[in-house]
PDB file of N, CA and C in Angstrom:
ATOM      1  N   MET A   1     119.264  96.074 104.747  1.00  0.00           N
ATOM      2  CA  MET A   1     118.621  95.960 103.454  1.00  0.00           C
ATOM      3  C   MET A   1     119.524  95.381 102.707  1.00  0.00           C
ATOM      4  N   THR A   2     119.200  94.326 101.799  1.00  0.00           N
ATOM      5  CA  THR A   2     120.417  93.758 100.982  1.00  0.00           C
ATOM      6  C   THR A   2     120.300  94.558  99.697  1.00  0.00           C
ATOM      7  N   SER A   3     121.578  94.389  99.033  1.00  0.00           N
ATOM      8  CA  SER A   3     121.769  95.215  97.688  1.00  0.00           C
ATOM      9  C   SER A   3     120.718  94.885  96.591  1.00  0.00           C
ATOM     10  N   GLN A   4     120.157  93.706  96.667  1.00  0.00           N
ATOM     11  CA  GLN A   4     119.143  93.353  95.660  1.00  0.00           C
ATOM     12  C   GLN A   4     117.813  94.188  95.913  1.00  0.00           C
ATOM     13  N   ARG A   5     117.632  94.386  97.190  1.00  0.00           N
ATOM     14  CA  ARG A   5     116.312  95.175  97.485  1.00  0.00           C
ATOM     15  C   ARG A   5     116.564  96.533  97.377  1.00  0.00           C
ATOM     16  N   LEU A   6     117.703  96.968  97.527  1.00  0.00           N
ATOM     17  CA  LEU A   6     118.147  98.510  97.118  1.00  0.00           C
ATOM     18  C   LEU A   6     117.951  98.647  95.744  1.00  0.00           C
ATOM     19  N   ALA A   7     118.576  97.722  94.939  1.00  0.00           N
ATOM     20  CA  ALA A   7     118.331  97.861  93.314  1.00  0.00           C
ATOM     21  C   ALA A   7     116.955  97.856  92.931  1.00  0.00           C
ATOM     22  N   LEU A   8     116.156  97.023  93.450  1.00  0.00           N
ATOM     23  CA  LEU A   8     114.881  96.960  93.095  1.00  0.00           C
ATOM     24  C   LEU A   8     114.316  98.159  93.436  1.00  0.00           C
ATOM     25  N   GLY A   9     114.467  98.689  94.611  1.00  0.00           N
ATOM     26  CA  GLY A   9     113.769  99.997  94.977  1.00  0.00           C
ATOM     27  C   GLY A   9     114.084 101.159  93.858  1.00  0.00           C
ATOM     28  N   LYS A  10     115.371 101.268  93.751  1.00  0.00           N
ATOM     29  CA  LYS A  10     115.953 102.198  92.738  1.00  0.00           C
ATOM     30  C   LYS A  10     115.286 102.161  91.347  1.00  0.00           C
ATOM     31  N   LYS A  11     115.186 100.868  90.899  1.00  0.00           N
ATOM     32  CA  LYS A  11     114.718 100.681  89.512  1.00  0.00           C
ATOM     33  C   LYS A  11     113.113 101.078  89.656  1.00  0.00           C
ATOM     34  N   GLY A  12     112.473 100.717  90.745  1.00  0.00           N
ATOM     35  CA  GLY A  12     111.075 101.157  90.860  1.00  0.00           C
ATOM     36  C   GLY A  12     110.781 102.681  90.916  1.00  0.00           C
ATOM     37  N   GLU A  13     111.823 103.339  91.657  1.00  0.00           N
ATOM     38  CA  GLU A  13     111.716 104.780  91.600  1.00  0.00           C
ATOM     39  C   GLU A  13     112.104 105.516  90.075  1.00  0.00           C
ATOM     40  N   GLU A  14     112.785 104.860  89.221  1.00  0.00           N
ATOM     41  CA  GLU A  14     113.090 105.425  88.043  1.00  0.00           C
ATOM     42  C   GLU A  14     111.927 104.911  87.153  1.00  0.00           C
ATOM     43  N   VAL A  15     111.272 104.044  87.320  1.00  0.00           N
ATOM     44  CA  VAL A  15     109.929 103.530  86.457  1.00  0.00           C
ATOM     45  C   VAL A  15     108.866 104.711  86.970  1.00  0.00           C
ATOM     46  N   ALA A  16     108.897 104.991  88.286  1.00  0.00           N
ATOM     47  CA  ALA A  16     107.863 105.929  88.629  1.00  0.00           C
ATOM     48  C   ALA A  16     108.031 107.278  88.042  1.00  0.00           C
ATOM     49  N   ARG A  17     109.220 107.821  88.107  1.00  0.00           N
ATOM     50  CA  ARG A  17     109.599 108.938  87.527  1.00  0.00           C
ATOM     51  C   ARG A  17     109.182 109.196  86.115  1.00  0.00           C
ATOM     52  N   ASP A  18     109.727 108.144  85.213  1.00  0.00           N
ATOM     53  CA  ASP A  18     109.388 108.115  83.922  1.00  0.00           C
ATOM     54  C   ASP A  18     107.783 108.178  83.590  1.00  0.00           C
ATOM     55  N   PHE A  19     107.086 107.394  84.553  1.00  0.00           N
ATOM     56  CA  PHE A  19     105.664 107.178  84.367  1.00  0.00           C
ATOM     57  C   PHE A  19     104.969 108.633  84.860  1.00  0.00           C
ATOM     58  N   LEU A  20     105.412 109.350  85.960  1.00  0.00           N
ATOM     59  CA  LEU A  20     104.973 110.485  86.163  1.00  0.00           C
ATOM     60  C   LEU A  20     105.252 111.691  85.146  1.00  0.00           C
ATOM     61  N   GLU A  21     106.463 111.624  84.709  1.00  0.00           N
ATOM     62  CA  GLU A  21     106.795 112.543  83.557  1.00  0.00           C
ATOM     63  C   GLU A  21     105.768 112.407  82.330  1.00  0.00           C
ATOM     64  N   LYS A  22     105.609 111.304  81.944  1.00  0.00           N
ATOM     65  CA  LYS A  22     104.765 110.953  80.832  1.00  0.00           C
ATOM     66  C   LYS A  22     103.190 111.352  81.066  1.00  0.00           C
ATOM     67  N   ALA A  23     102.934 111.370  82.412  1.00  0.00           N
ATOM     68  CA  ALA A  23     101.470 111.727  82.646  1.00  0.00           C
ATOM     69  C   ALA A  23     101.560 113.289  83.057  1.00  0.00           C
ATOM     70  N   GLY A  24     102.623 114.147  82.785  1.00  0.00           N
ATOM     71  CA  GLY A  24     102.538 115.418  82.815  1.00  0.00           C
ATOM     72  C   GLY A  24     103.082 116.155  84.020  1.00  0.00           C
ATOM     73  N   TYR A  25     103.603 115.341  85.017  1.00  0.00           N
ATOM     74  CA  TYR A  25     104.256 115.815  86.225  1.00  0.00           C
ATOM     75  C   TYR A  25     105.461 116.457  85.810  1.00  0.00           C
ATOM     76  N   THR A  26     105.780 117.378  86.636  1.00  0.00           N
ATOM     77  CA  THR A  26     107.110 118.145  86.603  1.00  0.00           C
ATOM     78  C   THR A  26     108.064 117.581  87.844  1.00  0.00           C
ATOM     79  N   ILE A  27     109.037 116.966  87.554  1.00  0.00           N
ATOM     80  CA  ILE A  27     109.782 116.584  88.625  1.00  0.00           C
ATOM     81  C   ILE A  27     110.617 117.733  89.513  1.00  0.00           C
ATOM     82  N   LEU A  28     110.439 118.097  90.511  1.00  0.00           N
ATOM     83  CA  LEU A  28     111.286 118.997  91.406  1.00  0.00           C
ATOM     84  C   LEU A  28     112.369 118.445  92.173  1.00  0.00           C
ATOM     85  N   ALA A  29     112.365 117.325  92.666  1.00  0.00           N
ATOM     86  CA  ALA A  29     113.422 116.587  93.597  1.00  0.00           C
ATOM     87  C   ALA A  29     113.114 115.259  93.640  1.00  0.00           C
ATOM     88  N   ASN A  30     114.246 114.456  93.839  1.00  0.00           N
ATOM     89  CA  ASN A  30     114.324 113.050  93.959  1.00  0.00           C
ATOM     90  C   ASN A  30     115.126 112.825  95.203  1.00  0.00           C
ATOM     91  N   ASN A  31     114.498 111.810  96.056  1.00  0.00           N
ATOM     92  CA  ASN A  31     115.133 111.508  97.394  1.00  0.00           C
ATOM     93  C   ASN A  31     115.372 112.696  98.321  1.00  0.00           C
ATOM     94  N   TYR A  32     114.276 113.511  98.407  1.00  0.00           N
ATOM     95  CA  TYR A  32     114.521 114.650  99.205  1.00  0.00           C
ATOM     96  C   TYR A  32     114.664 114.218 100.862  1.00  0.00           C
ATOM     97  N   ARG A  33     115.883 114.442 101.312  1.00  0.00           N
ATOM     98  CA  ARG A  33     116.077 114.065 102.851  1.00  0.00           C
ATOM     99  C   ARG A  33     116.224 115.049 103.713  1.00  0.00           C
ATOM    100  N   THR A  34     115.569 114.842 104.813  1.00  0.00           N
ATOM    101  CA  THR A  34     115.796 115.773 106.019  1.00  0.00           C
ATOM    102  C   THR A  34     116.079 114.841 107.175  1.00  0.00           C
ATOM    103  N   ARG A  35     116.277 115.532 108.344  1.00  0.00           N
ATOM    104  CA  ARG A  35     116.453 114.697 109.642  1.00  0.00           C
ATOM    105  C   ARG A  35     115.418 113.930 109.986  1.00  0.00           C
ATOM    106  N   CYS A  36     114.191 114.205 109.491  1.00  0.00           N
ATOM    107  CA  CYS A  36     112.855 113.540 109.649  1.00  0.00           C
ATOM    108  C   CYS A  36     112.695 112.303 108.826  1.00  0.00           C
ATOM    109  N   GLY A  37     113.348 112.301 107.640  1.00  0.00           N
ATOM    110  CA  GLY A  37     113.092 111.102 106.869  1.00  0.00           C
ATOM    111  C   GLY A  37     113.389 111.524 105.382  1.00  0.00           C
ATOM    112  N   GLU A  38     112.725 110.903 104.384  1.00  0.00           N
ATOM    113  CA  GLU A  38     112.907 111.003 103.080  1.00  0.00           C
ATOM    114  C   GLU A  38     111.482 110.996 102.133  1.00  0.00           C
ATOM    115  N   ILE A  39     111.433 111.835 101.092  1.00  0.00           N
ATOM    116  CA  ILE A  39     110.387 111.782 100.195  1.00  0.00           C
ATOM    117  C   ILE A  39     110.978 111.174  99.088  1.00  0.00           C
ATOM    118  N   ASP A  40     110.485 110.131  98.225  1.00  0.00           N
ATOM    119  CA  ASP A  40     110.968 109.761  97.048  1.00  0.00           C
ATOM    120  C   ASP A  40     110.935 110.596  95.915  1.00  0.00           C
ATOM    121  N   ILE A  41     109.864 111.251  95.711  1.00  0.00           N
ATOM    122  CA  ILE A  41     109.833 112.359  94.599  1.00  0.00           C
ATOM    123  C   ILE A  41     108.991 113.411  94.908  1.00  0.00           C
ATOM    124  N   ILE A  42     109.420 114.654  94.729  1.00  0.00           N
ATOM    125  CA  ILE A  42     108.625 115.808  94.862  1.00  0.00           C
ATOM    126  C   ILE A  42     108.260 116.296  93.509  1.00  0.00           C
ATOM    127  N   ALA A  43     107.132 116.785  93.111  1.00  0.00           N
ATOM    128  CA  ALA A  43     106.669 117.039  91.615  1.00  0.00           C
ATOM    129  C   ALA A  43     105.544 118.145  91.679  1.00  0.00           C
ATOM    130  N   ARG A  44     105.401 118.691  90.494  1.00  0.00           N
ATOM    131  CA  ARG A  44     104.331 119.594  90.395  1.00  0.00           C
ATOM    132  C   ARG A  44     103.300 118.800  89.378  1.00  0.00           C
ATOM    133  N   ASP A  45     102.040 118.799  89.641  1.00  0.00           N
ATOM    134  CA  ASP A  45     100.962 118.535  88.620  1.00  0.00           C
ATOM    135  C   ASP A  45     100.233 119.673  88.424  1.00  0.00           C
ATOM    136  N   ARG A  46     100.453 120.383  87.358  1.00  0.00           N
ATOM    137  CA  ARG A  46      99.829 121.510  87.034  1.00  0.00           C
ATOM    138  C   ARG A  46     100.364 122.654  88.264  1.00  0.00           C
ATOM    139  N   GLN A  47      99.359 123.156  89.006  1.00  0.00           N
ATOM    140  CA  GLN A  47      99.678 123.990  90.065  1.00  0.00           C
ATOM    141  C   GLN A  47      99.763 123.256  91.345  1.00  0.00           C
ATOM    142  N   THR A  48      99.563 122.083  91.378  1.00  0.00           N
ATOM    143  CA  THR A  48      99.563 121.260  92.768  1.00  0.00           C
ATOM    144  C   THR A  48     101.101 120.671  93.184  1.00  0.00           C
ATOM    145  N   LEU A  49     101.561 121.055  94.230  1.00  0.00           N
ATOM    146  CA  LEU A  49     102.632 120.438  94.750  1.00  0.00           C
ATOM    147  C   LEU A  49     102.540 118.909  95.162  1.00  0.00           C
ATOM    148  N   VAL A  50     103.054 117.970  94.616  1.00  0.00           N
ATOM    149  CA  VAL A  50     102.886 116.597  94.901  1.00  0.00           C
ATOM    150  C   VAL A  50     104.083 115.951  95.631  1.00  0.00           C
ATOM    151  N   PHE A  51     103.774 115.377  96.774  1.00  0.00           N
ATOM    152  CA  PHE A  51     104.825 114.534  97.467  1.00  0.00           C
ATOM    153  C   PHE A  51     104.515 113.034  97.158  1.00  0.00           C
ATOM    154  N   VAL A  52     105.438 112.319  96.585  1.00  0.00           N
ATOM    155  CA  VAL A  52     105.143 110.991  95.918  1.00  0.00           C
ATOM    156  C   VAL A  52     105.832 110.024  96.785  1.00  0.00           C
ATOM    157  N   GLU A  53     105.363 108.934  97.284  1.00  0.00           N
ATOM    158  CA  GLU A  53     105.936 107.826  97.758  1.00  0.00           C
ATOM    159  C   GLU A  53     105.842 106.671  96.823  1.00  0.00           C
ATOM    160  N   VAL A  54     107.046 105.944  96.551  1.00  0.00           N
ATOM    161  CA  VAL A  54     107.141 105.062  95.521  1.00  0.00           C
ATOM    162  C   VAL A  54     107.391 103.691  96.461  1.00  0.00           C
ATOM    163  N   LYS A  55     106.500 102.712  96.157  1.00  0.00           N
ATOM    164  CA  LYS A  55     106.717 101.414  96.808  1.00  0.00           C
ATOM    165  C   LYS A  55     106.771 100.392  95.506  1.00  0.00           C
ATOM    166  N   THR A  56     107.929  99.546  95.749  1.00  0.00           N
ATOM    167  CA  THR A  56     108.135  98.573  94.753  1.00  0.00           C
ATOM    168  C   THR A  56     108.102  97.189  95.348  1.00  0.00           C
ATOM    169  N   ARG A  57     107.547  96.224  94.682  1.00  0.00           N
ATOM    170  CA  ARG A  57     107.463  94.891  94.956  1.00  0.00           C
ATOM    171  C   ARG A  57     107.720  94.102  93.685  1.00  0.00           C
ATOM    172  N   ARG A  58     108.213  92.796  93.940  1.00  0.00           N
ATOM    173  CA  ARG A  58     108.296  91.837  93.012  1.00  0.00           C
ATOM    174  C   ARG A  58     106.941  90.915  92.831  1.00  0.00           C
ATOM    175  N   ASN A  59     106.281  91.086  93.889  1.00  0.00           N
ATOM    176  CA  ASN A  59     104.947  90.316  93.951  1.00  0.00           C
ATOM    177  C   ASN A  59     104.256  90.803  95.091  1.00  0.00           C
ATOM    178  N   ASN A  60     103.011  90.107  95.193  1.00  0.00           N
ATOM    179  CA  ASN A  60     102.029  90.804  96.208  1.00  0.00           C
ATOM    180  C   ASN A  60     101.978  89.546  97.382  1.00  0.00           C
ATOM    181  N   ARG A  61     102.928  88.716  97.476  1.00  0.00           N
ATOM    182  CA  ARG A  61     102.854  87.667  98.453  1.00  0.00           C
ATOM    183  C   ARG A  61     102.949  88.071  99.831  1.00  0.00           C
ATOM    184  N   TYR A  62     103.363  89.260 100.098  1.00  0.00           N
ATOM    185  CA  TYR A  62     103.745  89.782 101.576  1.00  0.00           C
ATOM    186  C   TYR A  62     102.751  91.012 101.731  1.00  0.00           C
ATOM    187  N   GLY A  63     101.703  91.127 100.800  1.00  0.00           N
ATOM    188  CA  GLY A  63     100.870  92.302 100.671  1.00  0.00           C
ATOM    189  C   GLY A  63     101.179  93.159  99.475  1.00  0.00           C
ATOM    190  N   THR A  64     100.314  94.102  99.190  1.00  0.00           N
ATOM    191  CA  THR A  64     100.480  94.974  98.214  1.00  0.00           C
ATOM    192  C   THR A  64     101.361  96.176  98.588  1.00  0.00           C
ATOM    193  N   ALA A  65     102.021  96.912  97.430  1.00  0.00           N
ATOM    194  CA  ALA A  65     102.919  97.884  97.789  1.00  0.00           C
ATOM    195  C   ALA A  65     102.020  98.892  98.437  1.00  0.00           C
ATOM    196  N   LEU A  66     100.819  99.137  98.222  1.00  0.00           N
ATOM    197  CA  LEU A  66     100.137 100.162  98.701  1.00  0.00           C
ATOM    198  C   LEU A  66      99.784  99.913 100.132  1.00  0.00           C
ATOM    199  N   GLU A  67      99.718  98.724 100.539  1.00  0.00           N
ATOM    200  CA  GLU A  67      99.478  98.339 101.923  1.00  0.00           C
ATOM    201  C   GLU A  67     100.681  98.776 102.805  1.00  0.00           C
ATOM    202  N   ALA A  68     101.966  98.847 102.215  1.00  0.00           N
ATOM    203  CA  ALA A  68     102.858  99.306 103.004  1.00  0.00           C
ATOM    204  C   ALA A  68     103.128 100.668 103.537  1.00  0.00           C
ATOM    205  N   ILE A  69     102.152 101.528 103.215  1.00  0.00           N
ATOM    206  CA  ILE A  69     102.046 102.770 103.547  1.00  0.00           C
ATOM    207  C   ILE A  69     101.400 102.842 104.606  1.00  0.00           C
ATOM    208  N   THR A  70     102.004 102.619 105.718  1.00  0.00           N
ATOM    209  CA  THR A  70     101.370 102.684 107.063  1.00  0.00           C
ATOM    210  C   THR A  70     101.069 104.271 107.769  1.00  0.00           C
ATOM    211  N   TYR A  71     100.383 104.392 108.703  1.00  0.00           N
ATOM    212  CA  TYR A  71     100.070 105.541 109.406  1.00  0.00           C
ATOM    213  C   TYR A  71     101.521 106.093 109.960  1.00  0.00           C
ATOM    214  N   LYS A  72     102.386 105.461 110.316  1.00  0.00           N
ATOM    215  CA  LYS A  72     103.621 105.730 110.759  1.00  0.00           C
ATOM    216  C   LYS A  72     104.501 106.335 109.501  1.00  0.00           C
ATOM    217  N   LYS A  73     104.332 105.657 108.463  1.00  0.00           N
ATOM    218  CA  LYS A  73     105.107 106.216 107.116  1.00  0.00           C
ATOM    219  C   LYS A  73     104.446 107.287 106.602  1.00  0.00           C
ATOM    220  N   GLN A  74     102.934 107.371 106.720  1.00  0.00           N
ATOM    221  CA  GLN A  74     102.378 108.625 106.335  1.00  0.00           C
ATOM    222  C   GLN A  74     102.800 109.846 107.304  1.00  0.00           C
ATOM    223  N   ARG A  75     103.006 109.621 108.507  1.00  0.00           N
ATOM    224  CA  ARG A  75     103.398 110.874 109.520  1.00  0.00           C
ATOM    225  C   ARG A  75     104.760 111.213 109.076  1.00  0.00           C
ATOM    226  N   GLN A  76     105.680 110.290 108.855  1.00  0.00           N
ATOM    227  CA  GLN A  76     107.072 110.739 108.364  1.00  0.00           C
ATOM    228  C   GLN A  76     107.085 111.481 107.255  1.00  0.00           C
ATOM    229  N   ILE A  77     106.454 111.074 106.116  1.00  0.00           N
ATOM    230  CA  ILE A  77     106.318 111.632 104.883  1.00  0.00           C
ATOM    231  C   ILE A  77     105.762 113.169 104.925  1.00  0.00           C
ATOM    232  N   SER A  78     104.602 113.127 105.867  1.00  0.00           N
ATOM    233  CA  SER A  78     103.917 114.524 106.268  1.00  0.00           C
ATOM    234  C   SER A  78     104.866 115.370 106.790  1.00  0.00           C
ATOM    235  N   ARG A  79     105.714 115.053 107.786  1.00  0.00           N
ATOM    236  CA  ARG A  79     106.739 115.703 108.547  1.00  0.00           C
ATOM    237  C   ARG A  79     107.895 116.374 107.528  1.00  0.00           C
ATOM    238  N   VAL A  80     108.345 115.381 106.674  1.00  0.00           N
ATOM    239  CA  VAL A  80     109.236 115.904 105.723  1.00  0.00           C
ATOM    240  C   VAL A  80     108.704 116.952 104.646  1.00  0.00           C
ATOM    241  N   ALA A  81     107.389 116.546 104.387  1.00  0.00           N
ATOM    242  CA  ALA A  81     106.770 117.665 103.318  1.00  0.00           C
ATOM    243  C   ALA A  81     106.653 118.930 104.066  1.00  0.00           C
ATOM    244  N   ALA A  82     106.276 119.067 105.327  1.00  0.00           N
ATOM    245  CA  ALA A  82     106.187 120.273 106.008  1.00  0.00           C
ATOM    246  C   ALA A  82     107.489 121.046 106.027  1.00  0.00           C
ATOM    247  N   GLU A  83     108.544 120.285 106.306  1.00  0.00           N
ATOM    248  CA  GLU A  83     109.997 120.990 106.071  1.00  0.00           C
ATOM    249  C   GLU A  83     110.150 121.403 104.642  1.00  0.00           C
ATOM    250  N   TYR A  84     109.921 120.616 103.634  1.00  0.00           N
ATOM    251  CA  TYR A  84     109.907 121.163 102.331  1.00  0.00           C
ATOM    252  C   TYR A  84     109.248 122.446 102.061  1.00  0.00           C
ATOM    253  N   VAL A  85     107.952 122.494 102.340  1.00  0.00           N
ATOM    254  CA  VAL A  85     107.043 123.715 102.200  1.00  0.00           C
ATOM    255  C   VAL A  85     107.833 124.926 102.893  1.00  0.00           C
ATOM    256  N   ALA A  86     108.028 124.773 104.041  1.00  0.00           N
ATOM    257  CA  ALA A  86     108.789 125.836 105.007  1.00  0.00           C
ATOM    258  C   ALA A  86     109.962 126.362 104.343  1.00  0.00           C
ATOM    259  N   GLN A  87     110.816 125.439 103.984  1.00  0.00           N
ATOM    260  CA  GLN A  87     112.301 125.851 103.426  1.00  0.00           C
ATOM    261  C   GLN A  87     112.214 126.378 102.045  1.00  0.00           C
ATOM    262  N   ASN A  88     111.156 125.942 101.085  1.00  0.00           N
ATOM    263  CA  ASN A  88     111.039 126.491  99.848  1.00  0.00           C
ATOM    264  C   ASN A  88     110.037 127.468  99.593  1.00  0.00           C
ATOM    265  N   GLY A  89     109.425 127.987 100.569  1.00  0.00           N
ATOM    266  CA  GLY A  89     108.265 129.298 100.561  1.00  0.00           C
ATOM    267  C   GLY A  89     107.174 128.925  99.652  1.00  0.00           C
ATOM    268  N   VAL A  90     106.655 127.587  99.700  1.00  0.00           N
ATOM    269  CA  VAL A  90     105.490 127.335  98.913  1.00  0.00           C
ATOM    270  C   VAL A  90     104.335 126.995  99.664  1.00  0.00           C
ATOM    271  N   ALA A  91     104.175 127.708 100.767  1.00  0.00           N
ATOM    272  CA  ALA A  91     103.030 127.271 101.679  1.00  0.00           C
ATOM    273  C   ALA A  91     101.645 127.681 101.017  1.00  0.00           C
ATOM    274  N   ASP A  92     101.684 128.535 100.113  1.00  0.00           N
ATOM    275  CA  ASP A  92     100.458 128.935  99.467  1.00  0.00           C
ATOM    276  C   ASP A  92     100.013 128.086  98.158  1.00  0.00           C
ATOM    277  N   SER A  93     100.787 126.970  97.950  1.00  0.00           N
ATOM    278  CA  SER A  93     100.482 126.146  96.885  1.00  0.00           C
ATOM    279  C   SER A  93      99.698 125.085  97.382  1.00  0.00           C
ATOM    280  N   PRO A  94      98.691 124.690  96.524  1.00  0.00           N
ATOM    281  CA  PRO A  94      97.770 123.285  96.841  1.00  0.00           C
ATOM    282  C   PRO A  94      98.784 122.237  96.955  1.00  0.00           C
ATOM    283  N   ALA A  95      98.654 121.264  97.857  1.00  0.00           N
ATOM    284  CA  ALA A  95      99.494 120.219  97.833  1.00  0.00           C
ATOM    285  C   ALA A  95      98.659 118.816  98.125  1.00  0.00           C
ATOM    286  N   ARG A  96      99.324 117.667  97.741  1.00  0.00           N
ATOM    287  CA  ARG A  96      98.701 116.395  97.899  1.00  0.00           C
ATOM    288  C   ARG A  96      99.621 115.464  98.035  1.00  0.00           C
ATOM    289  N   PHE A  97      99.292 114.248  98.526  1.00  0.00           N
ATOM    290  CA  PHE A  97     100.254 113.002  98.635  1.00  0.00           C
ATOM    291  C   PHE A  97      99.910 112.042  97.829  1.00  0.00           C
ATOM    292  N   ASP A  98     100.791 111.548  96.725  1.00  0.00           N
ATOM    293  CA  ASP A  98     100.276 110.335  95.923  1.00  0.00           C
ATOM    294  C   ASP A  98     101.206 109.149  96.204  1.00  0.00           C
ATOM    295  N   VAL A  99     100.749 108.070  95.849  1.00  0.00           N
ATOM    296  CA  VAL A  99     101.617 106.923  95.987  1.00  0.00           C
ATOM    297  C   VAL A  99     101.711 106.211  94.681  1.00  0.00           C
ATOM    298  N   VAL A 100     102.890 105.800  94.261  1.00  0.00           N
ATOM    299  CA  VAL A 100     102.996 104.850  92.990  1.00  0.00           C
ATOM    300  C   VAL A 100     103.524 103.570  93.418  1.00  0.00           C
ATOM    301  N   ALA A 101     102.635 102.637  93.171  1.00  0.00           N
ATOM    302  CA  ALA A 101     103.078 101.295  93.310  1.00  0.00           C
ATOM    303  C   ALA A 101     103.664 100.572  92.236  1.00  0.00           C
ATOM    304  N   VAL A 102     104.810 100.035  92.192  1.00  0.00           N
ATOM    305  CA  VAL A 102     105.493  99.433  91.008  1.00  0.00           C
ATOM    306  C   VAL A 102     105.578  97.895  91.298  1.00  0.00           C
ATOM    307  N   THR A 103     104.912  97.119  90.775  1.00  0.00           N
ATOM    308  CA  THR A 103     105.228  95.598  90.814  1.00  0.00           C
ATOM    309  C   THR A 103     105.611  95.108  89.801  1.00  0.00           C
ATOM    310  N   PHE A 104     106.959  94.215  89.772  1.00  0.00           N
ATOM    311  CA  PHE A 104     107.644  93.523  88.808  1.00  0.00           C
ATOM    312  C   PHE A 104     107.295  92.008  88.663  1.00  0.00           C
ATOM    313  N   GLU A 105     106.035  91.708  88.514  1.00  0.00           N
ATOM    314  CA  GLU A 105     105.678  90.235  88.443  1.00  0.00           C
ATOM    315  C   GLU A 105     106.133  89.651  87.074  1.00  0.00           C
ATOM    316  N   THR A 106     106.237  90.587  86.239  1.00  0.00           N
ATOM    317  CA  THR A 106     106.604  90.192  84.775  1.00  0.00           C
ATOM    318  C   THR A 106     107.618  91.025  84.165  1.00  0.00           C
ATOM    319  N   SER A 107     108.083  90.964  83.094  1.00  0.00           N
ATOM    320  CA  SER A 107     109.031  91.784  82.544  1.00  0.00           C
ATOM    321  C   SER A 107     108.614  93.248  82.330  1.00  0.00           C
ATOM    322  N   THR A 108     107.247  93.402  82.258  1.00  0.00           N
ATOM    323  CA  THR A 108     106.747  94.618  82.100  1.00  0.00           C
ATOM    324  C   THR A 108     106.129  94.968  83.506  1.00  0.00           C
ATOM    325  N   PRO A 109     106.684  96.147  84.077  1.00  0.00           N
ATOM    326  CA  PRO A 109     106.241  96.382  85.643  1.00  0.00           C
ATOM    327  C   PRO A 109     104.831  96.931  85.526  1.00  0.00           C
ATOM    328  N   ARG A 110     104.083  96.594  86.551  1.00  0.00           N
ATOM    329  CA  ARG A 110     102.696  97.000  86.627  1.00  0.00           C
ATOM    330  C   ARG A 110     102.851  98.379  87.554  1.00  0.00           C
ATOM    331  N   ILE A 111     102.162  99.412  87.016  1.00  0.00           N
ATOM    332  CA  ILE A 111     102.397 100.711  87.693  1.00  0.00           C
ATOM    333  C   ILE A 111     100.843 101.204  88.048  1.00  0.00           C
ATOM    334  N   ASP A 112     100.656 101.462  89.427  1.00  0.00           N
ATOM    335  CA  ASP A 112      99.517 101.826  90.010  1.00  0.00           C
ATOM    336  C   ASP A 112      99.790 103.252  90.626  1.00  0.00           C
ATOM    337  N   LEU A 113      98.968 104.396  90.267  1.00  0.00           N
ATOM    338  CA  LEU A 113      99.046 105.705  90.638  1.00  0.00           C
ATOM    339  C   LEU A 113      97.877 105.952  91.543  1.00  0.00           C
ATOM    340  N   VAL A 114      98.118 106.194  92.806  1.00  0.00           N
ATOM    341  CA  VAL A 114      96.941 106.650  93.646  1.00  0.00           C
ATOM    342  C   VAL A 114      97.075 108.318  94.042  1.00  0.00           C
ATOM    343  N   GLN A 115      96.408 108.991  93.418  1.00  0.00           N
ATOM    344  CA  GLN A 115      96.397 110.378  93.788  1.00  0.00           C
ATOM    345  C   GLN A 115      95.559 110.861  95.006  1.00  0.00           C
ATOM    346  N   ASN A 116      96.190 111.595  95.838  1.00  0.00           N
ATOM    347  CA  ASN A 116      95.608 111.989  97.056  1.00  0.00           C
ATOM    348  C   ASN A 116      95.325 110.702  97.840  1.00  0.00           C
ATOM    349  N   ALA A 117      96.276 110.108  98.060  1.00  0.00           N
ATOM    350  CA  ALA A 117      96.251 108.633  98.597  1.00  0.00           C
ATOM    351  C   ALA A 117      96.002 108.799 100.292  1.00  0.00           C
ATOM    352  N   PHE A 118      96.559 109.963 100.864  1.00  0.00           N
ATOM    353  CA  PHE A 118      96.311 110.086 102.337  1.00  0.00           C
ATOM    354  C   PHE A 118      96.351 111.730 102.441  1.00  0.00           C
ATOM    355  N   GLU A 119      95.809 112.123 103.659  1.00  0.00           N
ATOM    356  CA  GLU A 119      95.808 113.432 104.160  1.00  0.00           C
ATOM    357  C   GLU A 119      97.212 113.532 104.942  1.00  0.00           C
ATOM    358  N   SER A 120      97.741 114.817 105.065  1.00  0.00           N
ATOM    359  CA  SER A 120      98.630 115.121 106.057  1.00  0.00           C
ATOM    360  C   SER A 120      98.310 114.687 107.329  1.00  0.00           C
ATOM    361  N   THR A 121      99.294 114.090 108.079  1.00  0.00           N
ATOM    362  CA  THR A 121      99.141 113.493 109.468  1.00  0.00           C
ATOM    363  C   THR A 121      99.878 114.303 110.455  1.00  0.00           C
ATOM    364  N   TYR A 122     100.426 115.482 109.968  1.00  0.00           N
ATOM    365  CA  TYR A 122     101.343 116.153 110.754  1.00  0.00           C
ATOM    366  C   TYR A 122     100.938 117.586 110.787  1.00  0.00           C
ATOM    367  N   GLY A 123     101.149 118.294 112.063  1.00  0.00           N
ATOM    368  CA  GLY A 123     100.792 119.536 112.359  1.00  0.00           C
ATOM    369  C   GLY A 123      99.543 119.889 112.382  1.00  0.00           C
TER     370      GLY A 123
END
């Protein structure tokens, strides 16, 4: 991955965190990594534990950011979420998977939040 793409992804995650905090989410972790993969943001939305995947694009020429959340990616995120739940003793909390798509077509990024974007595909 090029340094430009890494920088774009990092900027997208910063924009997504700011957006989620303004929407009332409490950020618990950023870039949570396990041997199975990574979750970009883990947050709370009131009483619900939320695992957030952030997808960032310059434009939709090669498909939308939301289209990049393949079944394989959903499965990986679900595995990491299961590890987080087990390690942090939060199995009794309701949980969901959200996706934040950030598109930088203009100087002001477009931000799309899809709550409950997919169901867990693991376990």
